[in-house]
Amino acid sequence: MLKPHRNEALVVVLNFNGWKETIPCIEALLQQSYKKFHILLIDNGSKDASLTKLKRFMNHEKITFHKEPVNLGFAGGINIGIRKAIEEKY
C-alpha cells in the first residue's frame, strides 16, 4: 500500500535485474530540488542481487517498495504502478 501524500506526483521506477541503474536513478530523484513527489519502486521479478541492493530504500519515507514474484514485462510492471496511482488518487 502506498503512503498517502496529497497533491504530490507519483514517480514509478521499474527494476528488473538492474539495480546498478536503479540506485543512481533513485538517488538522483531524492536529490532534486522539487520535493512534492513519492516514488513507487517496483521490482519486476528480479533474479539477481537487486532485492539485496535495493533493500536500503525499503523504509525511506518517500519510497514505497513493491515486489512482483515474476517478471511481467515492462508494460505489465508499469501498469501495476499506474493501477496503484489511480487507487491512491495520485
PDB file of N, CA and C in Angstrom:
ATOM      1  N   MET A   1       0.831  -1.176   0.000  1.00  0.00           N
ATOM      2  CA  MET A   1       0.000   0.000   0.000  1.00  0.00           C
ATOM      3  C   MET A   1       0.877   1.241   0.000  1.00  0.00           C
ATOM      4  N   LEU A   2       0.493   2.206  -0.816  1.00  0.00           N
ATOM      5  CA  LEU A   2       1.243   3.447  -0.892  1.00  0.00           C
ATOM      6  C   LEU A   2       0.979   4.309   0.328  1.00  0.00           C
ATOM      7  N   LYS A   3       1.959   5.102   0.676  1.00  0.00           N
ATOM      8  CA  LYS A   3       1.784   6.062   1.753  1.00  0.00           C
ATOM      9  C   LYS A   3       1.079   7.275   1.159  1.00  0.00           C
ATOM     10  N   PRO A   4      -0.091   7.647   1.654  1.00  0.00           N
ATOM     11  CA  PRO A   4      -0.847   8.745   1.030  1.00  0.00           C
ATOM     12  C   PRO A   4      -0.151  10.088   1.179  1.00  0.00           C
ATOM     13  N   HIS A   5      -0.055  10.793   0.085  1.00  0.00           N
ATOM     14  CA  HIS A   5       0.536  12.124   0.041  1.00  0.00           C
ATOM     15  C   HIS A   5      -0.319  12.971  -0.889  1.00  0.00           C
ATOM     16  N   ARG A   6      -1.083  13.858  -0.321  1.00  0.00           N
ATOM     17  CA  ARG A   6      -1.965  14.698  -1.133  1.00  0.00           C
ATOM     18  C   ARG A   6      -1.168  15.682  -1.985  1.00  0.00           C
ATOM     19  N   ASN A   7      -1.665  15.913  -3.171  1.00  0.00           N
ATOM     20  CA  ASN A   7      -1.081  16.918  -4.083  1.00  0.00           C
ATOM     21  C   ASN A   7       0.363  16.634  -4.464  1.00  0.00           C
ATOM     22  N   GLU A   8       0.732  15.387  -4.503  1.00  0.00           N
ATOM     23  CA  GLU A   8       2.074  15.028  -4.926  1.00  0.00           C
ATOM     24  C   GLU A   8       2.009  14.159  -6.173  1.00  0.00           C
ATOM     25  N   ALA A   9       3.089  14.174  -6.925  1.00  0.00           N
ATOM     26  CA  ALA A   9       3.217  13.307  -8.092  1.00  0.00           C
ATOM     27  C   ALA A   9       3.745  11.953  -7.630  1.00  0.00           C
ATOM     28  N   LEU A  10       3.402  10.927  -8.364  1.00  0.00           N
ATOM     29  CA  LEU A  10       3.946   9.602  -8.108  1.00  0.00           C
ATOM     30  C   LEU A  10       4.912   9.265  -9.237  1.00  0.00           C
ATOM     31  N   VAL A  11       6.137   8.921  -8.870  1.00  0.00           N
ATOM     32  CA  VAL A  11       7.145   8.512  -9.838  1.00  0.00           C
ATOM     33  C   VAL A  11       7.273   6.999  -9.738  1.00  0.00           C
ATOM     34  N   VAL A  12       6.987   6.310 -10.831  1.00  0.00           N
ATOM     35  CA  VAL A  12       7.098   4.857 -10.851  1.00  0.00           C
ATOM     36  C   VAL A  12       8.466   4.495 -11.427  1.00  0.00           C
ATOM     37  N   VAL A  13       9.244   3.751 -10.641  1.00  0.00           N
ATOM     38  CA  VAL A  13      10.555   3.280 -11.080  1.00  0.00           C
ATOM     39  C   VAL A  13      10.474   1.760 -11.125  1.00  0.00           C
ATOM     40  N   LEU A  14      10.690   1.223 -12.298  1.00  0.00           N
ATOM     41  CA  LEU A  14      10.604  -0.217 -12.515  1.00  0.00           C
ATOM     42  C   LEU A  14      12.007  -0.816 -12.588  1.00  0.00           C
ATOM     43  N   ASN A  15      12.233  -1.854 -11.820  1.00  0.00           N
ATOM     44  CA  ASN A  15      13.528  -2.525 -11.814  1.00  0.00           C
ATOM     45  C   ASN A  15      13.359  -3.984 -12.205  1.00  0.00           C
ATOM     46  N   PHE A  16      14.210  -4.444 -13.117  1.00  0.00           N
ATOM     47  CA  PHE A  16      14.331  -5.869 -13.406  1.00  0.00           C
ATOM     48  C   PHE A  16      15.804  -6.171 -13.621  1.00  0.00           C
ATOM     49  N   ASN A  17      16.409  -6.801 -12.630  1.00  0.00           N
ATOM     50  CA  ASN A  17      17.831  -7.154 -12.702  1.00  0.00           C
ATOM     51  C   ASN A  17      18.698  -5.952 -13.068  1.00  0.00           C
ATOM     52  N   GLY A  18      18.324  -4.775 -12.594  1.00  0.00           N
ATOM     53  CA  GLY A  18      19.056  -3.580 -12.994  1.00  0.00           C
ATOM     54  C   GLY A  18      19.398  -2.655 -11.850  1.00  0.00           C
ATOM     55  N   TRP A  19      19.724  -3.217 -10.697  1.00  0.00           N
ATOM     56  CA  TRP A  19      19.990  -2.388  -9.536  1.00  0.00           C
ATOM     57  C   TRP A  19      21.110  -1.381  -9.781  1.00  0.00           C
ATOM     58  N   LYS A  20      22.055  -1.696 -10.660  1.00  0.00           N
ATOM     59  CA  LYS A  20      23.172  -0.771 -10.930  1.00  0.00           C
ATOM     60  C   LYS A  20      22.680   0.520 -11.583  1.00  0.00           C
ATOM     61  N   GLU A  21      21.582   0.466 -12.305  1.00  0.00           N
ATOM     62  CA  GLU A  21      20.988   1.663 -12.905  1.00  0.00           C
ATOM     63  C   GLU A  21      19.914   2.252 -11.997  1.00  0.00           C
ATOM     64  N   THR A  22      19.214   1.392 -11.266  1.00  0.00           N
ATOM     65  CA  THR A  22      18.101   1.847 -10.435  1.00  0.00           C
ATOM     66  C   THR A  22      18.576   2.671  -9.243  1.00  0.00           C
ATOM     67  N   ILE A  23      19.659   2.276  -8.610  1.00  0.00           N
ATOM     68  CA  ILE A  23      20.155   3.026  -7.446  1.00  0.00           C
ATOM     69  C   ILE A  23      20.508   4.470  -7.820  1.00  0.00           C
ATOM     70  N   PRO A  24      21.282   4.734  -8.878  1.00  0.00           N
ATOM     71  CA  PRO A  24      21.550   6.133  -9.231  1.00  0.00           C
ATOM     72  C   PRO A  24      20.271   6.898  -9.615  1.00  0.00           C
ATOM     73  N   CYS A  25      19.328   6.212 -10.218  1.00  0.00           N
ATOM     74  CA  CYS A  25      18.051   6.843 -10.577  1.00  0.00           C
ATOM     75  C   CYS A  25      17.324   7.317  -9.316  1.00  0.00           C
ATOM     76  N   ILE A  26      17.190   6.436  -8.344  1.00  0.00           N
ATOM     77  CA  ILE A  26      16.504   6.776  -7.093  1.00  0.00           C
ATOM     78  C   ILE A  26      17.255   7.892  -6.364  1.00  0.00           C
ATOM     79  N   GLU A  27      18.574   7.772  -6.288  1.00  0.00           N
ATOM     80  CA  GLU A  27      19.371   8.801  -5.608  1.00  0.00           C
ATOM     81  C   GLU A  27      19.211  10.163  -6.275  1.00  0.00           C
ATOM     82  N   ALA A  28      19.182  10.197  -7.611  1.00  0.00           N
ATOM     83  CA  ALA A  28      19.000  11.462  -8.325  1.00  0.00           C
ATOM     84  C   ALA A  28      17.620  12.046  -8.047  1.00  0.00           C
ATOM     85  N   LEU A  29      16.599  11.203  -8.035  1.00  0.00           N
ATOM     86  CA  LEU A  29      15.247  11.688  -7.718  1.00  0.00           C
ATOM     87  C   LEU A  29      15.205  12.298  -6.318  1.00  0.00           C
ATOM     88  N   LEU A  30      15.827  11.643  -5.357  1.00  0.00           N
ATOM     89  CA  LEU A  30      15.794  12.128  -3.976  1.00  0.00           C
ATOM     90  C   LEU A  30      16.593  13.411  -3.793  1.00  0.00           C
ATOM     91  N   GLN A  31      17.567  13.670  -4.658  1.00  0.00           N
ATOM     92  CA  GLN A  31      18.414  14.857  -4.527  1.00  0.00           C
ATOM     93  C   GLN A  31      17.886  16.074  -5.276  1.00  0.00           C
ATOM     94  N   GLN A  32      16.862  15.905  -6.080  1.00  0.00           N
ATOM     95  CA  GLN A  32      16.369  17.043  -6.845  1.00  0.00           C
ATOM     96  C   GLN A  32      15.725  18.089  -5.936  1.00  0.00           C
ATOM     97  N   SER A  33      15.581  19.298  -6.421  1.00  0.00           N
ATOM     98  CA  SER A  33      15.031  20.375  -5.599  1.00  0.00           C
ATOM     99  C   SER A  33      13.513  20.281  -5.450  1.00  0.00           C
ATOM    100  N   TYR A  34      12.822  19.730  -6.430  1.00  0.00           N
ATOM    101  CA  TYR A  34      11.374  19.564  -6.328  1.00  0.00           C
ATOM    102  C   TYR A  34      11.097  18.396  -5.385  1.00  0.00           C
ATOM    103  N   LYS A  35      10.299  18.618  -4.354  1.00  0.00           N
ATOM    104  CA  LYS A  35      10.110  17.600  -3.317  1.00  0.00           C
ATOM    105  C   LYS A  35       8.685  17.059  -3.213  1.00  0.00           C
ATOM    106  N   LYS A  36       7.759  17.547  -4.032  1.00  0.00           N
ATOM    107  CA  LYS A  36       6.369  17.101  -3.914  1.00  0.00           C
ATOM    108  C   LYS A  36       6.107  15.873  -4.784  1.00  0.00           C
ATOM    109  N   PHE A  37       6.755  14.778  -4.408  1.00  0.00           N
ATOM    110  CA  PHE A  37       6.594  13.531  -5.150  1.00  0.00           C
ATOM    111  C   PHE A  37       6.810  12.362  -4.201  1.00  0.00           C
ATOM    112  N   HIS A  38       6.365  11.221  -4.625  1.00  0.00           N
ATOM    113  CA  HIS A  38       6.595   9.964  -3.916  1.00  0.00           C
ATOM    114  C   HIS A  38       7.040   8.952  -4.968  1.00  0.00           C
ATOM    115  N   ILE A  39       7.923   8.054  -4.601  1.00  0.00           N
ATOM    116  CA  ILE A  39       8.456   7.050  -5.526  1.00  0.00           C
ATOM    117  C   ILE A  39       7.819   5.700  -5.230  1.00  0.00           C
ATOM    118  N   LEU A  40       7.302   5.077  -6.256  1.00  0.00           N
ATOM    119  CA  LEU A  40       6.876   3.689  -6.170  1.00  0.00           C
ATOM    120  C   LEU A  40       7.934   2.871  -6.893  1.00  0.00           C
ATOM    121  N   LEU A  41       8.737   2.158  -6.124  1.00  0.00           N
ATOM    122  CA  LEU A  41       9.807   1.329  -6.672  1.00  0.00           C
ATOM    123  C   LEU A  41       9.270  -0.091  -6.818  1.00  0.00           C
ATOM    124  N   ILE A  42       9.184  -0.557  -8.049  1.00  0.00           N
ATOM    125  CA  ILE A  42       8.646  -1.884  -8.330  1.00  0.00           C
ATOM    126  C   ILE A  42       9.780  -2.788  -8.798  1.00  0.00           C
ATOM    127  N   ASP A  43       9.983  -3.875  -8.063  1.00  0.00           N
ATOM    128  CA  ASP A  43      10.902  -4.891  -8.558  1.00  0.00           C
ATOM    129  C   ASP A  43      10.073  -5.893  -9.339  1.00  0.00           C
ATOM    130  N   ASN A  44      10.438  -6.090 -10.582  1.00  0.00           N
ATOM    131  CA  ASN A  44       9.648  -6.868 -11.535  1.00  0.00           C
ATOM    132  C   ASN A  44      10.190  -8.294 -11.661  1.00  0.00           C
ATOM    133  N   GLY A  45      10.275  -9.007 -10.525  1.00  0.00           N
ATOM    134  CA  GLY A  45      10.700 -10.408 -10.560  1.00  0.00           C
ATOM    135  C   GLY A  45      12.187 -10.613 -10.779  1.00  0.00           C
ATOM    136  N   SER A  46      13.007  -9.709 -10.272  1.00  0.00           N
ATOM    137  CA  SER A  46      14.457  -9.827 -10.463  1.00  0.00           C
ATOM    138  C   SER A  46      14.997 -11.131  -9.910  1.00  0.00           C
ATOM    139  N   LYS A  47      16.023 -11.649 -10.583  1.00  0.00           N
ATOM    140  CA  LYS A  47      16.697 -12.881 -10.162  1.00  0.00           C
ATOM    141  C   LYS A  47      18.152 -12.621  -9.793  1.00  0.00           C
ATOM    142  N   ASP A  48      18.574 -11.368  -9.844  1.00  0.00           N
ATOM    143  CA  ASP A  48      19.955 -11.029  -9.495  1.00  0.00           C
ATOM    144  C   ASP A  48      19.989 -10.513  -8.047  1.00  0.00           C
ATOM    145  N   ALA A  49      20.934  -9.687  -7.729  1.00  0.00           N
ATOM    146  CA  ALA A  49      21.102  -9.155  -6.372  1.00  0.00           C
ATOM    147  C   ALA A  49      20.235  -7.924  -6.111  1.00  0.00           C
ATOM    148  N   SER A  50      19.303  -7.614  -6.992  1.00  0.00           N
ATOM    149  CA  SER A  50      18.510  -6.390  -6.874  1.00  0.00           C
ATOM    150  C   SER A  50      17.816  -6.236  -5.529  1.00  0.00           C
ATOM    151  N   LEU A  51      17.169  -7.280  -5.042  1.00  0.00           N
ATOM    152  CA  LEU A  51      16.443  -7.152  -3.773  1.00  0.00           C
ATOM    153  C   LEU A  51      17.377  -6.797  -2.629  1.00  0.00           C
ATOM    154  N   THR A  52      18.522  -7.422  -2.595  1.00  0.00           N
ATOM    155  CA  THR A  52      19.506  -7.122  -1.554  1.00  0.00           C
ATOM    156  C   THR A  52      20.016  -5.692  -1.686  1.00  0.00           C
ATOM    157  N   LYS A  53      20.334  -5.285  -2.890  1.00  0.00           N
ATOM    158  CA  LYS A  53      20.905  -3.956  -3.119  1.00  0.00           C
ATOM    159  C   LYS A  53      19.878  -2.840  -2.924  1.00  0.00           C
ATOM    160  N   LEU A  54      18.613  -3.086  -3.281  1.00  0.00           N
ATOM    161  CA  LEU A  54      17.577  -2.053  -3.182  1.00  0.00           C
ATOM    162  C   LEU A  54      16.926  -2.006  -1.805  1.00  0.00           C
ATOM    163  N   LYS A  55      17.271  -2.963  -0.959  1.00  0.00           N
ATOM    164  CA  LYS A  55      16.677  -3.040   0.378  1.00  0.00           C
ATOM    165  C   LYS A  55      16.861  -1.745   1.167  1.00  0.00           C
ATOM    166  N   ARG A  56      17.935  -1.033   0.896  1.00  0.00           N
ATOM    167  CA  ARG A  56      18.207   0.205   1.651  1.00  0.00           C
ATOM    168  C   ARG A  56      17.148   1.276   1.440  1.00  0.00           C
ATOM    169  N   PHE A  57      16.337   1.155   0.381  1.00  0.00           N
ATOM    170  CA  PHE A  57      15.283   2.125   0.123  1.00  0.00           C
ATOM    171  C   PHE A  57      13.930   1.708   0.707  1.00  0.00           C
ATOM    172  N   MET A  58      13.841   0.511   1.247  1.00  0.00           N
ATOM    173  CA  MET A  58      12.544  -0.040   1.646  1.00  0.00           C
ATOM    174  C   MET A  58      11.846   0.741   2.754  1.00  0.00           C
ATOM    175  N   ASN A  59      12.562   1.404   3.628  1.00  0.00           N
ATOM    176  CA  ASN A  59      11.941   2.144   4.728  1.00  0.00           C
ATOM    177  C   ASN A  59      12.052   3.652   4.567  1.00  0.00           C
ATOM    178  N   HIS A  60      12.394   4.095   3.382  1.00  0.00           N
ATOM    179  CA  HIS A  60      12.522   5.531   3.134  1.00  0.00           C
ATOM    180  C   HIS A  60      11.129   6.157   3.087  1.00  0.00           C
ATOM    181  N   GLU A  61      10.986   7.318   3.705  1.00  0.00           N
ATOM    182  CA  GLU A  61       9.664   7.963   3.792  1.00  0.00           C
ATOM    183  C   GLU A  61       9.089   8.366   2.438  1.00  0.00           C
ATOM    184  N   LYS A  62       9.911   8.560   1.438  1.00  0.00           N
ATOM    185  CA  LYS A  62       9.428   8.970   0.121  1.00  0.00           C
ATOM    186  C   LYS A  62       9.299   7.804  -0.857  1.00  0.00           C
ATOM    187  N   ILE A  63       9.524   6.587  -0.373  1.00  0.00           N
ATOM    188  CA  ILE A  63       9.544   5.431  -1.270  1.00  0.00           C
ATOM    189  C   ILE A  63       8.644   4.319  -0.744  1.00  0.00           C
ATOM    190  N   THR A  64       7.840   3.772  -1.644  1.00  0.00           N
ATOM    191  CA  THR A  64       7.106   2.544  -1.365  1.00  0.00           C
ATOM    192  C   THR A  64       7.698   1.468  -2.264  1.00  0.00           C
ATOM    193  N   PHE A  65       8.053   0.350  -1.677  1.00  0.00           N
ATOM    194  CA  PHE A  65       8.681  -0.737  -2.417  1.00  0.00           C
ATOM    195  C   PHE A  65       7.643  -1.823  -2.675  1.00  0.00           C
ATOM    196  N   HIS A  66       7.551  -2.256  -3.916  1.00  0.00           N
ATOM    197  CA  HIS A  66       6.617  -3.314  -4.292  1.00  0.00           C
ATOM    198  C   HIS A  66       7.396  -4.393  -5.035  1.00  0.00           C
ATOM    199  N   LYS A  67       7.212  -5.642  -4.631  1.00  0.00           N
ATOM    200  CA  LYS A  67       7.912  -6.767  -5.268  1.00  0.00           C
ATOM    201  C   LYS A  67       6.914  -7.637  -5.999  1.00  0.00           C
ATOM    202  N   GLU A  68       7.167  -7.860  -7.270  1.00  0.00           N
ATOM    203  CA  GLU A  68       6.398  -8.824  -8.060  1.00  0.00           C
ATOM    204  C   GLU A  68       7.166 -10.139  -8.061  1.00  0.00           C
ATOM    205  N   PRO A  69       6.485 -11.262  -7.879  1.00  0.00           N
ATOM    206  CA  PRO A  69       7.193 -12.543  -7.846  1.00  0.00           C
ATOM    207  C   PRO A  69       7.733 -12.990  -9.201  1.00  0.00           C
ATOM    208  N   VAL A  70       7.119 -12.522 -10.286  1.00  0.00           N
ATOM    209  CA  VAL A  70       7.575 -12.877 -11.633  1.00  0.00           C
ATOM    210  C   VAL A  70       7.686 -11.614 -12.478  1.00  0.00           C
ATOM    211  N   ASN A  71       8.483 -11.693 -13.524  1.00  0.00           N
ATOM    212  CA  ASN A  71       8.640 -10.567 -14.445  1.00  0.00           C
ATOM    213  C   ASN A  71       7.396 -10.468 -15.318  1.00  0.00           C
ATOM    214  N   LEU A  72       6.743  -9.330 -15.246  1.00  0.00           N
ATOM    215  CA  LEU A  72       5.534  -9.086 -16.037  1.00  0.00           C
ATOM    216  C   LEU A  72       5.835  -8.330 -17.322  1.00  0.00           C
ATOM    217  N   GLY A  73       7.108  -8.107 -17.598  1.00  0.00           N
ATOM    218  CA  GLY A  73       7.491  -7.293 -18.748  1.00  0.00           C
ATOM    219  C   GLY A  73       7.353  -5.822 -18.390  1.00  0.00           C
ATOM    220  N   PHE A  74       7.869  -4.971 -19.272  1.00  0.00           N
ATOM    221  CA  PHE A  74       7.839  -3.530 -18.996  1.00  0.00           C
ATOM    222  C   PHE A  74       6.408  -3.034 -18.838  1.00  0.00           C
ATOM    223  N   ALA A  75       5.557  -3.316 -19.794  1.00  0.00           N
ATOM    224  CA  ALA A  75       4.178  -2.811 -19.747  1.00  0.00           C
ATOM    225  C   ALA A  75       3.446  -3.339 -18.515  1.00  0.00           C
ATOM    226  N   GLY A  76       3.606  -4.611 -18.203  1.00  0.00           N
ATOM    227  CA  GLY A  76       2.944  -5.185 -17.038  1.00  0.00           C
ATOM    228  C   GLY A  76       3.406  -4.546 -15.739  1.00  0.00           C
ATOM    229  N   GLY A  77       4.704  -4.312 -15.626  1.00  0.00           N
ATOM    230  CA  GLY A  77       5.246  -3.678 -14.424  1.00  0.00           C
ATOM    231  C   GLY A  77       4.776  -2.244 -14.267  1.00  0.00           C
ATOM    232  N   ILE A  78       4.820  -1.487 -15.347  1.00  0.00           N
ATOM    233  CA  ILE A  78       4.362  -0.095 -15.292  1.00  0.00           C
ATOM    234  C   ILE A  78       2.868  -0.040 -15.010  1.00  0.00           C
ATOM    235  N   ASN A  79       2.104  -0.970 -15.571  1.00  0.00           N
ATOM    236  CA  ASN A  79       0.660  -0.993 -15.315  1.00  0.00           C
ATOM    237  C   ASN A  79       0.350  -1.187 -13.831  1.00  0.00           C
ATOM    238  N   ILE A  80       1.175  -1.934 -13.122  1.00  0.00           N
ATOM    239  CA  ILE A  80       0.995  -2.058 -11.673  1.00  0.00           C
ATOM    240  C   ILE A  80       1.123  -0.686 -11.023  1.00  0.00           C
ATOM    241  N   GLY A  81       2.131   0.055 -11.420  1.00  0.00           N
ATOM    242  CA  GLY A  81       2.320   1.405 -10.885  1.00  0.00           C
ATOM    243  C   GLY A  81       1.160   2.328 -11.215  1.00  0.00           C
ATOM    244  N   ILE A  82       0.684   2.274 -12.437  1.00  0.00           N
ATOM    245  CA  ILE A  82      -0.447   3.121 -12.842  1.00  0.00           C
ATOM    246  C   ILE A  82      -1.684   2.752 -12.034  1.00  0.00           C
ATOM    247  N   ARG A  83      -1.935   1.449 -11.882  1.00  0.00           N
ATOM    248  CA  ARG A  83      -3.087   0.989 -11.108  1.00  0.00           C
ATOM    249  C   ARG A  83      -3.020   1.496  -9.670  1.00  0.00           C
ATOM    250  N   LYS A  84      -1.860   1.400  -9.051  1.00  0.00           N
ATOM    251  CA  LYS A  84      -1.700   1.861  -7.672  1.00  0.00           C
ATOM    252  C   LYS A  84      -1.869   3.377  -7.577  1.00  0.00           C
ATOM    253  N   ALA A  85      -1.375   4.095  -8.576  1.00  0.00           N
ATOM    254  CA  ALA A  85      -1.531   5.555  -8.574  1.00  0.00           C
ATOM    255  C   ALA A  85      -3.010   5.941  -8.664  1.00  0.00           C
ATOM    256  N   ILE A  86      -3.763   5.261  -9.496  1.00  0.00           N
ATOM    257  CA  ILE A  86      -5.197   5.546  -9.627  1.00  0.00           C
ATOM    258  C   ILE A  86      -5.914   5.200  -8.323  1.00  0.00           C
ATOM    259  N   GLU A  87      -5.609   4.049  -7.751  1.00  0.00           N
ATOM    260  CA  GLU A  87      -6.243   3.625  -6.492  1.00  0.00           C
ATOM    261  C   GLU A  87      -6.003   4.623  -5.376  1.00  0.00           C
ATOM    262  N   GLU A  88      -4.807   5.190  -5.322  1.00  0.00           N
ATOM    263  CA  GLU A  88      -4.447   6.128  -4.251  1.00  0.00           C
ATOM    264  C   GLU A  88      -4.704   7.583  -4.627  1.00  0.00           C
ATOM    265  N   LYS A  89      -5.292   7.792  -5.809  1.00  0.00           N
ATOM    266  CA  LYS A  89      -5.658   9.131  -6.291  1.00  0.00           C
ATOM    267  C   LYS A  89      -4.476  10.086  -6.402  1.00  0.00           C
ATOM    268  N   TYR A  90      -3.391   9.582  -6.941  1.00  0.00           N
ATOM    269  CA  TYR A  90      -2.240  10.452  -7.237  1.00  0.00           C
ATOM    270  C   TYR A  90      -2.537  11.241  -8.482  1.00  0.00           C
TER     271      TYR A  90
END
